[in-house]
Amino acid sequence: MRIIVITEPCFLPGEADAVASLLDAGAWRVHLRKPGADENDMRRLLAGIPERYRNAISLHDCHGLAVQYGVGGVHVNSRNPGPPERYEGLVSCSCHSLSEVSYGKGRFDYMFLSPVFDSISKKGYGSRFSMGELKDAAMKGIVDDKVFALGGVSPDNIGLVREAGFGGAAVLGSVWGQYSEDGDAVALVRRLESLLR
């Protein structure tokens, strides 16, 4: 199982260094999700991330920068419904139902399914799936190694992600909340990785 970290929507102090540290600590990918960010802000963040890490980055916004900065992935959404021209990296998307996941099979390199648990970063955004539904979806091949659990994933419930047949977990609140408090997102990623083994 693999861990994907999604950034906070706002820009954080030392974020480029934190992204590199998260990847060093074992995160498979880091998704830069900055809705409303302008290209200059995104350029600054990307320029601060050492080139050797950029293949493990996915952009949710400013997709046009992906080719220029050698970014390894783009995440399609309502703001950016497709990858840029001549882009050859990974393409991912978010799904909020098992039927959306079924529809996305073969169209995307991997997908997020959310909210699997009650969200940490979005208050009032509760789980939409029972463990029974998720295990059944795994037996049918809907949930597999190309589907990542998103929403409320923490060290306390990450074992359930494995049980449900996901390829890994995408985390946001449990990592950046820790970073905001003490600047140590890396320790939590290591804890999550150790629970996945």
C-alpha atoms as a PDB file:
ATOM      1  CA  MET A   1       0.000   0.000   0.000  1.00  0.00           C
ATOM      2  CA  ARG A   2       1.106   3.515  -0.766  1.00  0.00           C
ATOM      3  CA  ILE A   3       0.576   6.938   0.800  1.00  0.00           C
ATOM      4  CA  ILE A   4      -0.316  10.059  -1.179  1.00  0.00           C
ATOM      5  CA  VAL A   5      -0.217  13.412   0.624  1.00  0.00           C
ATOM      6  CA  ILE A   6      -2.491  16.230  -0.576  1.00  0.00           C
ATOM      7  CA  THR A   7      -1.433  19.765   0.324  1.00  0.00           C
ATOM      8  CA  GLU A   8      -3.496  22.318   2.169  1.00  0.00           C
ATOM      9  CA  PRO A   9      -5.294  24.720  -0.217  1.00  0.00           C
ATOM     10  CA  CYS A  10      -3.293  27.694   1.115  1.00  0.00           C
ATOM     11  CA  PHE A  11       0.451  28.113   0.731  1.00  0.00           C
ATOM     12  CA  LEU A  12       2.402  27.308   3.909  1.00  0.00           C
ATOM     13  CA  PRO A  13       5.792  28.572   5.095  1.00  0.00           C
ATOM     14  CA  GLY A  14       8.534  26.133   4.120  1.00  0.00           C
ATOM     15  CA  GLU A  15       6.094  24.082   2.053  1.00  0.00           C
ATOM     16  CA  ALA A  16       8.545  23.172  -0.715  1.00  0.00           C
ATOM     17  CA  ASP A  17      10.968  21.740   1.871  1.00  0.00           C
ATOM     18  CA  ALA A  18       8.091  19.927   3.600  1.00  0.00           C
ATOM     19  CA  VAL A  19       7.039  18.339   0.286  1.00  0.00           C
ATOM     20  CA  ALA A  20      10.584  17.053  -0.284  1.00  0.00           C
ATOM     21  CA  SER A  21      10.727  15.744   3.294  1.00  0.00           C
ATOM     22  CA  LEU A  22       7.401  13.941   2.914  1.00  0.00           C
ATOM     23  CA  LEU A  23       8.681  12.180  -0.194  1.00  0.00           C
ATOM     24  CA  ASP A  24      11.939  11.304   1.569  1.00  0.00           C
ATOM     25  CA  ALA A  25       9.870   9.876   4.441  1.00  0.00           C
ATOM     26  CA  GLY A  26       8.059   7.446   2.160  1.00  0.00           C
ATOM     27  CA  ALA A  27       5.088   9.230   0.598  1.00  0.00           C
ATOM     28  CA  TRP A  28       4.542   7.784  -2.882  1.00  0.00           C
ATOM     29  CA  ARG A  29       3.276  11.090  -4.315  1.00  0.00           C
ATOM     30  CA  VAL A  30       2.401  14.604  -3.163  1.00  0.00           C
ATOM     31  CA  HIS A  31      -0.592  16.314  -4.769  1.00  0.00           C
ATOM     32  CA  LEU A  32      -0.319  20.103  -4.927  1.00  0.00           C
ATOM     33  CA  ARG A  33      -3.939  21.185  -4.540  1.00  0.00           C
ATOM     34  CA  LYS A  34      -4.188  24.976  -4.563  1.00  0.00           C
ATOM     35  CA  PRO A  35      -7.601  26.008  -5.914  1.00  0.00           C
ATOM     36  CA  GLY A  36      -7.551  29.615  -6.966  1.00  0.00           C
ATOM     37  CA  ALA A  37      -3.752  29.863  -6.988  1.00  0.00           C
ATOM     38  CA  ASP A  38      -2.240  31.900  -9.768  1.00  0.00           C
ATOM     39  CA  GLU A  39       0.576  30.597 -11.946  1.00  0.00           C
ATOM     40  CA  ASN A  40       3.204  32.804 -10.302  1.00  0.00           C
ATOM     41  CA  ASP A  41       2.481  31.340  -6.855  1.00  0.00           C
ATOM     42  CA  MET A  42       2.551  27.810  -8.267  1.00  0.00           C
ATOM     43  CA  ARG A  43       5.802  28.539 -10.115  1.00  0.00           C
ATOM     44  CA  ARG A  44       7.407  29.691  -6.860  1.00  0.00           C
ATOM     45  CA  LEU A  45       6.331  26.532  -5.068  1.00  0.00           C
ATOM     46  CA  LEU A  46       7.480  24.254  -7.902  1.00  0.00           C
ATOM     47  CA  ALA A  47      10.783  26.090  -8.262  1.00  0.00           C
ATOM     48  CA  GLY A  48      11.433  25.503  -4.558  1.00  0.00           C
ATOM     49  CA  ILE A  49      10.959  21.733  -4.890  1.00  0.00           C
ATOM     50  CA  PRO A  50      14.205  20.104  -6.036  1.00  0.00           C
ATOM     51  CA  GLU A  51      13.969  18.750  -9.574  1.00  0.00           C
ATOM     52  CA  ARG A  52      14.628  15.156  -8.465  1.00  0.00           C
ATOM     53  CA  TYR A  53      11.265  15.126  -6.592  1.00  0.00           C
ATOM     54  CA  ARG A  54       9.063  16.604  -9.307  1.00  0.00           C
ATOM     55  CA  ASN A  55       8.219  13.277 -10.948  1.00  0.00           C
ATOM     56  CA  ALA A  56       6.457  12.358  -7.666  1.00  0.00           C
ATOM     57  CA  ILE A  57       4.334  15.551  -7.728  1.00  0.00           C
ATOM     58  CA  SER A  58       0.802  15.861  -9.127  1.00  0.00           C
ATOM     59  CA  LEU A  59      -0.848  19.203  -9.915  1.00  0.00           C
ATOM     60  CA  HIS A  60      -4.525  19.886  -9.280  1.00  0.00           C
ATOM     61  CA  ASP A  61      -4.254  23.413 -10.665  1.00  0.00           C
ATOM     62  CA  CYS A  62      -2.166  25.281 -13.259  1.00  0.00           C
ATOM     63  CA  HIS A  63      -1.772  22.104 -15.332  1.00  0.00           C
ATOM     64  CA  GLY A  64       0.119  24.072 -17.967  1.00  0.00           C
ATOM     65  CA  LEU A  65       3.135  24.101 -15.640  1.00  0.00           C
ATOM     66  CA  ALA A  66       3.368  20.294 -15.581  1.00  0.00           C
ATOM     67  CA  VAL A  67       5.374  19.980 -18.794  1.00  0.00           C
ATOM     68  CA  GLN A  68       7.575  22.994 -18.055  1.00  0.00           C
ATOM     69  CA  TYR A  69       8.569  21.753 -14.574  1.00  0.00           C
ATOM     70  CA  GLY A  70       8.734  18.023 -15.311  1.00  0.00           C
ATOM     71  CA  VAL A  71       5.847  17.249 -12.972  1.00  0.00           C
ATOM     72  CA  GLY A  72       4.913  13.561 -13.011  1.00  0.00           C
ATOM     73  CA  GLY A  73       1.138  13.825 -12.591  1.00  0.00           C
ATOM     74  CA  VAL A  74      -1.973  15.938 -13.043  1.00  0.00           C
ATOM     75  CA  HIS A  75      -5.275  15.527 -11.225  1.00  0.00           C
ATOM     76  CA  VAL A  76      -8.344  16.358 -13.289  1.00  0.00           C
ATOM     77  CA  ASN A  77     -11.265  18.161 -11.672  1.00  0.00           C
ATOM     78  CA  SER A  78     -14.006  20.651 -12.515  1.00  0.00           C
ATOM     79  CA  ARG A  79     -11.431  23.465 -12.721  1.00  0.00           C
ATOM     80  CA  ASN A  80      -9.101  21.432 -14.955  1.00  0.00           C
ATOM     81  CA  PRO A  81     -11.077  18.723 -16.778  1.00  0.00           C
ATOM     82  CA  GLY A  82      -8.169  17.245 -18.730  1.00  0.00           C
ATOM     83  CA  PRO A  83      -4.386  17.022 -18.948  1.00  0.00           C
ATOM     84  CA  PRO A  84      -2.459  19.627 -20.947  1.00  0.00           C
ATOM     85  CA  GLU A  85      -1.440  18.976 -24.549  1.00  0.00           C
ATOM     86  CA  ARG A  86       1.660  16.827 -25.004  1.00  0.00           C
ATOM     87  CA  TYR A  87       1.465  15.678 -21.396  1.00  0.00           C
ATOM     88  CA  GLU A  88       2.601  12.092 -20.851  1.00  0.00           C
ATOM     89  CA  GLY A  89       2.583  11.707 -17.050  1.00  0.00           C
ATOM     90  CA  LEU A  90       0.079  10.110 -14.682  1.00  0.00           C
ATOM     91  CA  VAL A  91      -3.527  11.314 -14.690  1.00  0.00           C
ATOM     92  CA  SER A  92      -5.720  10.908 -11.607  1.00  0.00           C
ATOM     93  CA  CYS A  93      -9.194  11.992 -10.495  1.00  0.00           C
ATOM     94  CA  SER A  94     -11.454  12.044  -7.440  1.00  0.00           C
ATOM     95  CA  CYS A  95     -14.599   9.917  -7.150  1.00  0.00           C
ATOM     96  CA  HIS A  96     -17.407  10.137  -4.625  1.00  0.00           C
ATOM     97  CA  SER A  97     -19.264   6.940  -5.482  1.00  0.00           C
ATOM     98  CA  LEU A  98     -18.386   3.393  -6.460  1.00  0.00           C
ATOM     99  CA  SER A  99     -20.139   3.915  -9.805  1.00  0.00           C
ATOM    100  CA  GLU A 100     -17.764   6.815 -10.546  1.00  0.00           C
ATOM    101  CA  VAL A 101     -14.825   4.522  -9.767  1.00  0.00           C
ATOM    102  CA  SER A 102     -16.235   1.871 -12.137  1.00  0.00           C
ATOM    103  CA  TYR A 103     -16.631   4.499 -14.868  1.00  0.00           C
ATOM    104  CA  GLY A 104     -13.043   5.716 -14.355  1.00  0.00           C
ATOM    105  CA  LYS A 105     -11.443   2.270 -14.744  1.00  0.00           C
ATOM    106  CA  GLY A 106      -9.051   2.384 -17.685  1.00  0.00           C
ATOM    107  CA  ARG A 107      -9.472   6.153 -18.075  1.00  0.00           C
ATOM    108  CA  PHE A 108      -7.174   7.163 -15.207  1.00  0.00           C
ATOM    109  CA  ASP A 109      -3.920   5.856 -13.798  1.00  0.00           C
ATOM    110  CA  TYR A 110      -5.404   5.986 -10.293  1.00  0.00           C
ATOM    111  CA  MET A 111      -8.384   7.464  -8.453  1.00  0.00           C
ATOM    112  CA  PHE A 112      -9.349   8.726  -5.013  1.00  0.00           C
ATOM    113  CA  LEU A 113     -12.576   7.506  -3.410  1.00  0.00           C
ATOM    114  CA  SER A 114     -13.958   9.770  -0.697  1.00  0.00           C
ATOM    115  CA  PRO A 115     -15.016  10.234   1.984  1.00  0.00           C
ATOM    116  CA  VAL A 116     -14.119   6.779   3.262  1.00  0.00           C
ATOM    117  CA  PHE A 117     -14.070   7.993   6.891  1.00  0.00           C
ATOM    118  CA  ASP A 118     -15.307  11.246   8.427  1.00  0.00           C
ATOM    119  CA  SER A 119     -13.065  13.996   7.024  1.00  0.00           C
ATOM    120  CA  ILE A 120     -10.474  15.610   9.277  1.00  0.00           C
ATOM    121  CA  SER A 121      -9.988  18.748   7.153  1.00  0.00           C
ATOM    122  CA  LYS A 122     -13.627  19.300   6.064  1.00  0.00           C
ATOM    123  CA  LYS A 123     -15.905  19.455   9.084  1.00  0.00           C
ATOM    124  CA  GLY A 124     -19.311  17.865   8.505  1.00  0.00           C
ATOM    125  CA  TYR A 125     -18.073  15.828   5.530  1.00  0.00           C
ATOM    126  CA  GLY A 126     -18.961  12.338   6.743  1.00  0.00           C
ATOM    127  CA  SER A 127     -18.207   8.844   5.507  1.00  0.00           C
ATOM    128  CA  ARG A 128     -20.424   7.599   2.691  1.00  0.00           C
ATOM    129  CA  PHE A 129     -19.396   3.941   2.670  1.00  0.00           C
ATOM    130  CA  SER A 130     -19.703   0.973   4.990  1.00  0.00           C
ATOM    131  CA  MET A 131     -16.853  -1.508   5.302  1.00  0.00           C
ATOM    132  CA  GLY A 132     -19.196  -4.140   3.886  1.00  0.00           C
ATOM    133  CA  GLU A 133     -19.786  -2.057   0.738  1.00  0.00           C
ATOM    134  CA  LEU A 134     -16.068  -1.452   0.283  1.00  0.00           C
ATOM    135  CA  LYS A 135     -15.100  -5.103   0.765  1.00  0.00           C
ATOM    136  CA  ASP A 136     -17.835  -6.135  -1.680  1.00  0.00           C
ATOM    137  CA  ALA A 137     -16.518  -3.571  -4.188  1.00  0.00           C
ATOM    138  CA  ALA A 138     -13.026  -5.045  -3.766  1.00  0.00           C
ATOM    139  CA  MET A 139     -14.340  -8.567  -4.426  1.00  0.00           C
ATOM    140  CA  LYS A 140     -15.947  -7.223  -7.631  1.00  0.00           C
ATOM    141  CA  GLY A 141     -12.666  -5.559  -8.692  1.00  0.00           C
ATOM    142  CA  ILE A 142     -14.005  -2.017  -8.335  1.00  0.00           C
ATOM    143  CA  VAL A 143     -11.756  -1.151  -5.388  1.00  0.00           C
ATOM    144  CA  ASP A 144      -8.224  -2.287  -6.203  1.00  0.00           C
ATOM    145  CA  ASP A 145      -4.594  -1.153  -6.151  1.00  0.00           C
ATOM    146  CA  LYS A 146      -5.424   1.862  -8.344  1.00  0.00           C
ATOM    147  CA  VAL A 147      -8.003   3.232  -5.923  1.00  0.00           C
ATOM    148  CA  PHE A 148      -6.887   5.260  -2.888  1.00  0.00           C
ATOM    149  CA  ALA A 149      -9.004   5.867   0.203  1.00  0.00           C
ATOM    150  CA  LEU A 150      -9.426   9.569   0.974  1.00  0.00           C
ATOM    151  CA  GLY A 151     -11.200  11.273   3.837  1.00  0.00           C
ATOM    152  CA  GLY A 152     -10.405  10.930   7.513  1.00  0.00           C
ATOM    153  CA  VAL A 153      -7.530   8.477   7.101  1.00  0.00           C
ATOM    154  CA  SER A 154      -5.390   8.382  10.247  1.00  0.00           C
ATOM    155  CA  PRO A 155      -3.047   5.969  12.025  1.00  0.00           C
ATOM    156  CA  ASP A 156      -6.087   4.745  13.984  1.00  0.00           C
ATOM    157  CA  ASN A 157      -8.017   3.526  10.931  1.00  0.00           C
ATOM    158  CA  ILE A 158      -5.445   2.916   8.223  1.00  0.00           C
ATOM    159  CA  GLY A 159      -5.584  -0.837   8.870  1.00  0.00           C
ATOM    160  CA  LEU A 160      -9.193  -0.727   7.649  1.00  0.00           C
ATOM    161  CA  VAL A 161      -7.961   0.782   4.367  1.00  0.00           C
ATOM    162  CA  ARG A 162      -5.858  -2.329   3.800  1.00  0.00           C
ATOM    163  CA  GLU A 163      -8.738  -4.618   4.851  1.00  0.00           C
ATOM    164  CA  ALA A 164     -11.047  -2.917   2.348  1.00  0.00           C
ATOM    165  CA  GLY A 165      -8.679  -3.685  -0.562  1.00  0.00           C
ATOM    166  CA  PHE A 166      -7.473  -0.184  -1.431  1.00  0.00           C
ATOM    167  CA  GLY A 167      -4.089   0.363  -3.093  1.00  0.00           C
ATOM    168  CA  GLY A 168      -3.286   2.948  -0.438  1.00  0.00           C
ATOM    169  CA  ALA A 169      -4.491   6.112   1.207  1.00  0.00           C
ATOM    170  CA  ALA A 170      -4.512   9.796   0.366  1.00  0.00           C
ATOM    171  CA  VAL A 171      -4.093  11.980   3.434  1.00  0.00           C
ATOM    172  CA  LEU A 172      -4.429  15.690   4.079  1.00  0.00           C
ATOM    173  CA  GLY A 173      -5.695  16.748   7.509  1.00  0.00           C
ATOM    174  CA  SER A 174      -3.796  14.151   9.520  1.00  0.00           C
ATOM    175  CA  VAL A 175      -0.468  15.258   7.978  1.00  0.00           C
ATOM    176  CA  TRP A 176      -0.800  19.023   7.613  1.00  0.00           C
ATOM    177  CA  GLY A 177      -2.583  19.443  10.945  1.00  0.00           C
ATOM    178  CA  GLN A 178       0.485  17.923  12.562  1.00  0.00           C
ATOM    179  CA  TYR A 179       2.744  20.143  10.454  1.00  0.00           C
ATOM    180  CA  SER A 180       0.848  23.271  11.481  1.00  0.00           C
ATOM    181  CA  GLU A 181       1.172  22.391  15.169  1.00  0.00           C
ATOM    182  CA  ASP A 182       4.817  21.367  15.371  1.00  0.00           C
ATOM    183  CA  GLY A 183       6.296  21.371  11.858  1.00  0.00           C
ATOM    184  CA  ASP A 184       6.725  17.593  11.884  1.00  0.00           C
ATOM    185  CA  ALA A 185       4.582  16.127   9.091  1.00  0.00           C
ATOM    186  CA  VAL A 186       7.379  13.658   8.346  1.00  0.00           C
ATOM    187  CA  ALA A 187       6.957  11.786  11.635  1.00  0.00           C
ATOM    188  CA  LEU A 188       3.286  11.170  10.900  1.00  0.00           C
ATOM    189  CA  VAL A 189       3.986   9.945   7.352  1.00  0.00           C
ATOM    190  CA  ARG A 190       6.540   7.500   8.778  1.00  0.00           C
ATOM    191  CA  ARG A 191       3.928   6.322  11.292  1.00  0.00           C
ATOM    192  CA  LEU A 192       1.378   5.838   8.510  1.00  0.00           C
ATOM    193  CA  GLU A 193       3.924   3.947   6.389  1.00  0.00           C
ATOM    194  CA  SER A 194       4.831   1.659   9.296  1.00  0.00           C
ATOM    195  CA  LEU A 195       1.162   0.786   9.758  1.00  0.00           C
ATOM    196  CA  LEU A 196       0.872  -0.131   6.071  1.00  0.00           C
ATOM    197  CA  ARG A 197       3.585  -2.791   6.241  1.00  0.00           C
END
